[in-house]
Amino acid sequence: MNVTNRIRQSAYLKGMTLVMLAFGLLLVGCSTQSEGSTSSSAQSNNGGTTAETIQVQHAFGTTAIPAHPERIASYNLEDMLLSLHAPLVAAVSAGEDYYLADQLDQLHVPILNMNGGTSNLEAFINATPDLIVASAAIDQTTYEQLSQIAPTIVYDRENWKQSIVELGNVLGLEQQAQTVLKQHDEQVAATKKAVTKATGKGKTVAFLRTTAKEIRLYLPGYTDSQGTELPGYGGMLYNDLGFTPLDTILQLQKQNPTKQNVTVSLETLPDLNADYVFVTTGSAGGTAADRQQDQQQFKELSASPLWQSLPAIKQNHLFTVDARHWISTGPIADEMKMDDVTKTLGM
């Protein structure tokens, strides 16, 4: 049985409820709840409220969702939703060894591995969510599949600081969203102070990612298709923690304003004469076999004379970090990155 038929069977049991809700919505007006959403209620015959929904504007349009969702399935927005203490019933991992697996396991939230695509959404169906919150990285087809299971709203995880405020407003968790941002800013300030004390002012930094195929140099930020300036995976390291990007990296950013990383050759590595270099291997997803292949390639790269010529290696200032949270975004991922920086610098 294909996914669409399975979804239709699951949706059938909800059919009468949805019809009654839609009919009820015709009988009432809408009032403003928060920016980007409006509220409405379906009325019973005795005048009581039988259901309440809000109209939410998001990256894929406008969707009516429960005003007080109790069963939320997350599609790649687990970092923000865990930070908000949202009532999660299902989650998604892009590969094995998800960096949020322990937290999700403690909450008994099943994790659907979507490394092979969206062909298997049964875990979402079986979780019977009343709302799905998804990353804006999904395509229209995936959005339509998810929307057949439950009302689906979409937010940009790359711009998590704005998205978490919007999500907080929609889910009635505004105060928690503000608390997350406050705690994040406090940790950034404390980490920057500690880094500056440990390394001195103005020390330069570079962030590299190696895979079995290439070496990528991450930039301090990029501009997305909507014209929004975003920090990217390495932006906090370059911009917030007391380090200074190399002039070479700033020039590459200027030449590639819409890219958050550029591929560099082994021969150009000696030009990366940063005081400190952080390097990660592989990606946030993938399989254990993929990760092993990436790490083997890094082992071979590390033995090359050109790699060994990096000033950071000679000063013992090259540190390896885990791609599973460094090639990710969100308040938890950022917290883990800052913890890595303080640990590697011996603070």
Protein backbone atom coordinates (compact mmCIF):
# COMPACT_ATOMS: atom_id res chain seq x y z
CA MET A 1 0.00 0.00 0.00
CA ASN A 2 1.51 3.37 -0.98
CA VAL A 3 1.92 6.34 1.36
CA THR A 4 -0.97 8.32 -0.12
CA ASN A 5 -3.46 5.49 0.40
CA ARG A 6 -2.17 4.87 3.90
CA ILE A 7 -2.55 8.54 4.70
CA ARG A 8 -6.06 8.61 3.24
CA GLN A 9 -7.09 5.66 5.41
CA SER A 10 -5.75 7.39 8.49
CA ALA A 11 -7.45 10.63 7.52
CA TYR A 12 -10.81 8.90 6.91
CA LEU A 13 -11.46 8.43 10.62
CA LYS A 14 -11.01 12.13 11.11
CA GLY A 15 -13.30 13.01 8.23
CA MET A 16 -16.51 13.78 10.08
CA THR A 17 -14.66 15.84 12.66
CA LEU A 18 -13.00 17.90 9.96
CA VAL A 19 -16.30 18.40 8.13
CA MET A 20 -18.00 19.58 11.30
CA LEU A 21 -15.08 21.88 12.03
CA ALA A 22 -15.14 23.36 8.54
CA PHE A 23 -18.92 23.93 8.76
CA GLY A 24 -18.52 25.55 12.14
CA LEU A 25 -15.85 27.89 10.86
CA LEU A 26 -18.37 29.31 8.41
CA LEU A 27 -20.50 30.43 11.33
CA VAL A 28 -17.95 32.49 13.17
CA GLY A 29 -15.61 35.40 12.55
CA CYS A 30 -11.92 35.63 13.07
CA SER A 31 -10.15 37.75 15.63
CA THR A 32 -6.46 38.57 15.81
CA GLN A 33 -4.42 36.31 18.15
CA SER A 34 -0.84 37.28 17.33
CA GLU A 35 1.23 38.51 14.44
CA GLY A 36 0.86 36.04 11.58
CA SER A 37 -2.19 34.25 13.07
CA THR A 38 -5.91 34.73 13.70
CA SER A 39 -8.27 32.78 15.94
CA SER A 40 -11.68 31.22 15.34
CA SER A 41 -13.97 28.76 17.12
CA ALA A 42 -16.50 26.17 16.02
CA GLN A 43 -19.69 26.50 18.10
CA SER A 44 -21.89 23.65 19.36
CA ASN A 45 -25.69 23.84 19.30
CA ASN A 46 -25.83 24.97 22.94
CA GLY A 47 -23.42 27.81 22.28
CA GLY A 48 -20.32 26.14 23.75
CA THR A 49 -16.99 25.94 21.99
CA THR A 50 -16.27 22.50 20.48
CA ALA A 51 -12.98 23.35 18.78
CA GLU A 52 -10.71 26.34 18.38
CA THR A 53 -8.27 26.98 15.59
CA ILE A 54 -5.95 29.75 14.55
CA GLN A 55 -4.95 30.75 11.04
CA VAL A 56 -1.16 30.75 10.81
CA GLN A 57 0.91 32.36 8.08
CA HIS A 58 4.13 30.49 7.41
CA ALA A 59 6.66 29.77 4.68
CA PHE A 60 4.25 27.63 2.63
CA GLY A 61 1.08 29.69 3.01
CA THR A 62 -1.69 29.96 5.61
CA THR A 63 -2.93 26.97 7.60
CA ALA A 64 -5.65 26.46 10.23
CA ILE A 65 -4.12 24.70 13.23
CA PRO A 66 -5.38 23.82 16.72
CA ALA A 67 -5.13 26.79 19.04
CA HIS A 68 -3.75 24.51 21.75
CA PRO A 69 -1.95 21.59 20.06
CA GLU A 70 -1.28 18.65 22.34
CA ARG A 71 0.49 16.25 19.96
CA ILE A 72 3.16 17.85 17.78
CA ALA A 73 5.23 15.96 15.23
CA SER A 74 8.48 17.64 14.22
CA TYR A 75 10.10 17.39 10.80
CA ASN A 76 13.69 18.62 11.33
CA LEU A 77 12.78 21.36 13.81
CA GLU A 78 13.41 19.27 16.92
CA ASP A 79 16.09 21.62 18.26
CA MET A 80 13.73 24.58 18.57
CA LEU A 81 10.73 22.53 19.71
CA LEU A 82 12.70 20.77 22.44
CA SER A 83 13.96 24.17 23.60
CA LEU A 84 10.36 25.39 23.79
CA HIS A 85 9.26 22.27 25.72
CA ALA A 86 6.60 21.65 23.09
CA PRO A 87 4.54 18.42 23.43
CA LEU A 88 6.38 16.26 20.88
CA VAL A 89 5.09 12.86 19.75
CA ALA A 90 7.34 12.24 16.71
CA ALA A 91 10.63 13.51 15.32
CA VAL A 92 12.88 13.13 12.29
CA SER A 93 16.58 12.43 11.92
CA ALA A 94 18.45 13.00 8.65
CA GLY A 95 20.74 10.07 9.48
CA GLU A 96 22.11 7.89 12.24
CA ASP A 97 23.32 9.06 15.66
CA TYR A 98 21.19 12.19 15.82
CA TYR A 99 22.64 14.75 18.23
CA LEU A 100 19.23 15.14 19.86
CA ALA A 101 18.54 11.41 20.18
CA ASP A 102 19.17 11.24 23.94
CA GLN A 103 16.80 14.08 24.72
CA LEU A 104 14.11 12.64 22.46
CA ASP A 105 14.54 9.16 23.96
CA GLN A 106 14.11 10.56 27.47
CA LEU A 107 10.76 11.97 26.37
CA HIS A 108 9.85 8.68 24.63
CA VAL A 109 9.56 10.46 21.29
CA PRO A 110 10.04 8.06 18.35
CA ILE A 111 12.58 9.18 15.76
CA LEU A 112 11.91 8.53 12.07
CA ASN A 113 15.13 8.24 10.05
CA MET A 114 14.44 9.98 6.75
CA ASN A 115 17.90 9.42 5.30
CA GLY A 116 16.29 7.43 2.50
CA GLY A 117 13.69 10.08 1.65
CA THR A 118 10.04 10.57 2.55
CA SER A 119 8.74 7.20 1.35
CA ASN A 120 8.01 6.02 4.89
CA LEU A 121 5.80 8.38 6.84
CA GLU A 122 4.00 5.66 8.79
CA ALA A 123 5.67 6.73 12.03
CA PHE A 124 4.05 10.13 11.66
CA ILE A 125 0.67 8.56 10.89
CA ASN A 126 0.89 6.21 13.86
CA ALA A 127 1.80 9.09 16.19
CA THR A 128 -1.58 10.72 15.39
CA PRO A 129 -0.34 14.31 15.70
CA ASP A 130 -2.75 17.21 15.80
CA LEU A 131 -0.01 19.45 14.34
CA ILE A 132 3.16 19.00 12.28
CA VAL A 133 5.93 21.60 12.42
CA ALA A 134 8.42 21.25 9.58
CA SER A 135 11.63 22.80 8.31
CA ALA A 136 11.37 25.15 5.35
CA ALA A 137 13.97 22.96 3.64
CA ILE A 138 11.23 20.48 2.64
CA ASP A 139 9.75 20.59 -0.87
CA GLN A 140 6.13 21.07 -1.92
CA THR A 141 5.51 17.34 -2.35
CA THR A 142 6.68 16.56 1.17
CA TYR A 143 4.60 19.43 2.53
CA GLU A 144 1.49 18.05 0.83
CA GLN A 145 2.17 14.55 2.18
CA LEU A 146 2.56 15.89 5.70
CA SER A 147 -0.54 18.05 5.38
CA GLN A 148 -2.62 14.95 4.65
CA ILE A 149 -1.62 13.58 8.05
CA ALA A 150 -2.22 16.75 10.11
CA PRO A 151 -2.17 20.55 9.69
CA THR A 152 1.41 21.47 8.84
CA ILE A 153 3.28 24.74 9.37
CA VAL A 154 6.78 25.47 8.11
CA TYR A 155 9.63 27.58 9.52
CA ASP A 156 13.25 28.34 8.61
CA ARG A 157 15.63 26.54 10.95
CA GLU A 158 18.64 28.40 9.53
CA ASN A 159 17.12 31.62 10.90
CA TRP A 160 16.28 29.99 14.21
CA LYS A 161 16.28 33.13 16.36
CA GLN A 162 13.40 34.61 14.38
CA SER A 163 11.66 31.28 13.86
CA ILE A 164 11.63 30.37 17.55
CA VAL A 165 9.87 33.65 18.37
CA GLU A 166 7.27 33.00 15.67
CA LEU A 167 6.79 29.42 16.87
CA GLY A 168 6.49 30.60 20.45
CA ASN A 169 3.73 33.00 19.46
CA VAL A 170 1.85 30.32 17.49
CA LEU A 171 2.12 27.64 20.20
CA GLY A 172 1.39 29.90 23.15
CA LEU A 173 4.99 29.60 24.35
CA GLU A 174 6.06 33.20 23.92
CA GLN A 175 7.73 33.48 27.32
CA GLN A 176 9.73 30.29 26.82
CA ALA A 177 10.98 31.56 23.45
CA GLN A 178 12.22 34.75 25.09
CA THR A 179 13.87 32.73 27.85
CA VAL A 180 15.71 30.62 25.25
CA LEU A 181 17.04 33.74 23.51
CA LYS A 182 18.07 35.33 26.80
CA GLN A 183 19.96 32.23 27.92
CA HIS A 184 21.62 31.95 24.52
CA ASP A 185 22.83 35.55 24.63
CA GLU A 186 24.14 35.08 28.17
CA GLN A 187 26.12 31.98 27.16
CA VAL A 188 27.54 33.76 24.10
CA ALA A 189 28.73 36.66 26.27
CA ALA A 190 30.28 34.33 28.85
CA THR A 191 32.00 32.21 26.18
CA LYS A 192 33.38 35.26 24.41
CA LYS A 193 34.81 36.59 27.66
CA ALA A 194 36.43 33.22 28.42
CA VAL A 195 37.84 32.85 24.88
CA THR A 196 39.36 36.33 24.93
CA LYS A 197 40.93 35.63 28.32
CA ALA A 198 42.36 32.29 27.15
CA THR A 199 43.64 33.35 23.71
CA GLY A 200 44.06 37.11 23.79
CA LYS A 201 42.31 39.65 21.60
CA GLY A 202 42.13 39.51 17.83
CA LYS A 203 43.15 35.88 17.30
CA THR A 204 42.16 34.62 13.86
CA VAL A 205 40.07 31.51 13.22
CA ALA A 206 38.96 29.22 10.38
CA PHE A 207 36.29 26.52 10.28
CA LEU A 208 36.80 23.59 7.89
CA ARG A 209 34.71 20.57 7.01
CA THR A 210 36.22 17.56 5.28
CA THR A 211 34.38 14.73 3.56
CA ALA A 212 35.49 11.73 1.53
CA LYS A 213 35.34 13.93 -1.57
CA GLU A 214 36.37 17.48 -0.66
CA ILE A 215 37.46 20.16 1.81
CA ARG A 216 35.03 22.99 2.53
CA LEU A 217 35.85 26.28 4.19
CA TYR A 218 32.91 27.83 6.02
CA LEU A 219 32.34 31.58 5.84
CA PRO A 220 31.16 34.03 8.53
CA GLY A 221 27.70 34.32 6.95
CA TYR A 222 25.63 34.35 3.78
CA THR A 223 22.51 35.88 2.24
CA ASP A 224 19.61 33.53 1.47
CA SER A 225 17.21 33.69 -1.49
CA GLN A 226 14.93 36.05 0.47
CA GLY A 227 17.76 38.51 1.08
CA THR A 228 18.08 37.61 4.76
CA GLU A 229 21.60 37.63 6.20
CA LEU A 230 22.27 34.42 8.11
CA PRO A 231 25.29 33.21 10.10
CA GLY A 232 25.48 29.68 8.72
CA TYR A 233 26.96 26.75 10.62
CA GLY A 234 30.21 28.51 11.48
CA GLY A 235 28.90 32.04 11.88
CA MET A 236 28.85 32.07 15.66
CA LEU A 237 32.48 30.91 15.80
CA TYR A 238 33.56 33.75 13.51
CA ASN A 239 31.31 36.53 14.75
CA ASP A 240 30.34 36.05 18.40
CA LEU A 241 33.05 34.34 20.43
CA GLY A 242 35.97 36.76 20.32
CA PHE A 243 37.79 35.36 17.29
CA THR A 244 38.52 37.29 14.08
CA PRO A 245 38.01 35.79 10.60
CA LEU A 246 41.07 35.73 8.37
CA ASP A 247 41.19 38.45 5.71
CA THR A 248 41.27 35.64 3.15
CA ILE A 249 37.97 34.31 4.51
CA LEU A 250 36.37 37.75 4.49
CA GLN A 251 37.39 38.18 0.85
CA LEU A 252 35.88 34.80 -0.04
CA GLN A 253 32.66 35.81 1.71
CA LYS A 254 32.54 39.02 -0.32
CA GLN A 255 33.06 37.05 -3.53
CA ASN A 256 30.44 34.43 -2.59
CA PRO A 257 27.69 36.31 -0.73
CA THR A 258 25.03 33.61 -1.19
CA LYS A 259 27.21 30.68 -0.09
CA GLN A 260 27.93 29.61 3.46
CA ASN A 261 30.96 27.56 2.39
CA VAL A 262 33.39 27.22 -0.50
CA THR A 263 35.42 24.24 -1.66
CA VAL A 264 39.17 24.64 -1.26
CA SER A 265 42.01 22.57 -2.64
CA LEU A 266 44.73 20.87 -0.64
CA GLU A 267 47.26 23.16 -2.32
CA THR A 268 45.60 26.30 -0.93
CA LEU A 269 45.57 25.10 2.69
CA PRO A 270 48.88 26.85 3.56
CA ASP A 271 47.07 30.15 2.91
CA LEU A 272 44.82 29.41 5.91
CA ASN A 273 47.29 30.75 8.42
CA ALA A 274 44.69 31.21 11.16
CA ASP A 275 45.77 31.14 14.79
CA TYR A 276 43.02 28.61 15.52
CA VAL A 277 41.38 26.08 13.20
CA PHE A 278 38.28 24.05 13.98
CA VAL A 279 37.61 21.13 11.66
CA THR A 280 34.75 18.66 11.39
CA THR A 281 34.32 15.59 9.22
CA GLY A 282 31.28 14.30 7.37
CA SER A 283 27.78 15.68 7.88
CA ALA A 284 24.98 15.91 10.40
CA GLY A 285 23.28 12.94 8.74
CA GLY A 286 24.44 9.87 6.91
CA THR A 287 25.20 6.38 8.08
CA ALA A 288 27.92 4.97 10.28
CA ALA A 289 29.59 3.67 7.10
CA ASP A 290 29.53 7.16 5.58
CA ARG A 291 31.08 8.61 8.73
CA GLN A 292 33.78 5.95 8.79
CA GLN A 293 34.68 6.72 5.17
CA ASP A 294 34.83 10.45 5.89
CA GLN A 295 37.03 9.91 8.92
CA GLN A 296 39.39 7.65 7.00
CA GLN A 297 39.78 10.36 4.38
CA PHE A 298 40.50 12.91 7.10
CA LYS A 299 43.13 10.60 8.59
CA GLU A 300 44.89 10.46 5.23
CA LEU A 301 44.55 14.23 4.77
CA SER A 302 45.99 14.87 8.22
CA ALA A 303 49.16 12.97 7.30
CA SER A 304 49.88 15.12 4.23
CA PRO A 305 52.75 17.66 4.41
CA LEU A 306 50.46 20.46 3.21
CA TRP A 307 48.03 19.83 6.06
CA GLN A 308 50.86 19.58 8.55
CA SER A 309 52.13 22.97 7.37
CA LEU A 310 49.10 24.76 8.85
CA PRO A 311 50.31 27.20 11.54
CA ALA A 312 47.48 26.12 13.83
CA ILE A 313 48.82 22.55 13.83
CA LYS A 314 52.34 23.69 14.65
CA GLN A 315 50.93 25.65 17.62
CA ASN A 316 48.66 22.77 18.66
CA HIS A 317 45.66 24.99 17.94
CA LEU A 318 43.75 22.71 15.56
CA PHE A 319 40.66 21.09 17.09
CA THR A 320 38.27 18.48 15.68
CA VAL A 321 34.56 18.83 16.47
CA ASP A 322 31.46 16.72 15.81
CA ALA A 323 29.59 17.42 12.56
CA ARG A 324 26.35 16.10 14.00
CA HIS A 325 25.77 19.37 15.85
CA TRP A 326 28.26 21.68 14.12
CA ILE A 327 26.53 21.16 10.76
CA SER A 328 23.20 21.94 12.41
CA THR A 329 21.38 25.01 13.67
CA GLY A 330 19.29 25.81 16.73
CA PRO A 331 19.72 26.87 20.35
CA ILE A 332 20.81 23.39 21.49
CA ALA A 333 23.29 22.98 18.62
CA ASP A 334 24.75 26.42 19.37
CA GLU A 335 25.04 25.58 23.06
CA MET A 336 26.94 22.40 22.19
CA LYS A 337 29.26 24.35 19.86
CA MET A 338 30.10 26.82 22.62
CA ASP A 339 30.73 23.96 25.03
CA ASP A 340 33.13 22.46 22.47
CA VAL A 341 35.03 25.73 22.14
CA THR A 342 35.49 26.13 25.88
CA LYS A 343 36.55 22.49 26.32
CA THR A 344 39.05 22.50 23.46
CA LEU A 345 40.66 25.68 24.77
CA GLY A 346 40.95 24.16 28.23
CA MET A 347 38.55 26.57 29.90
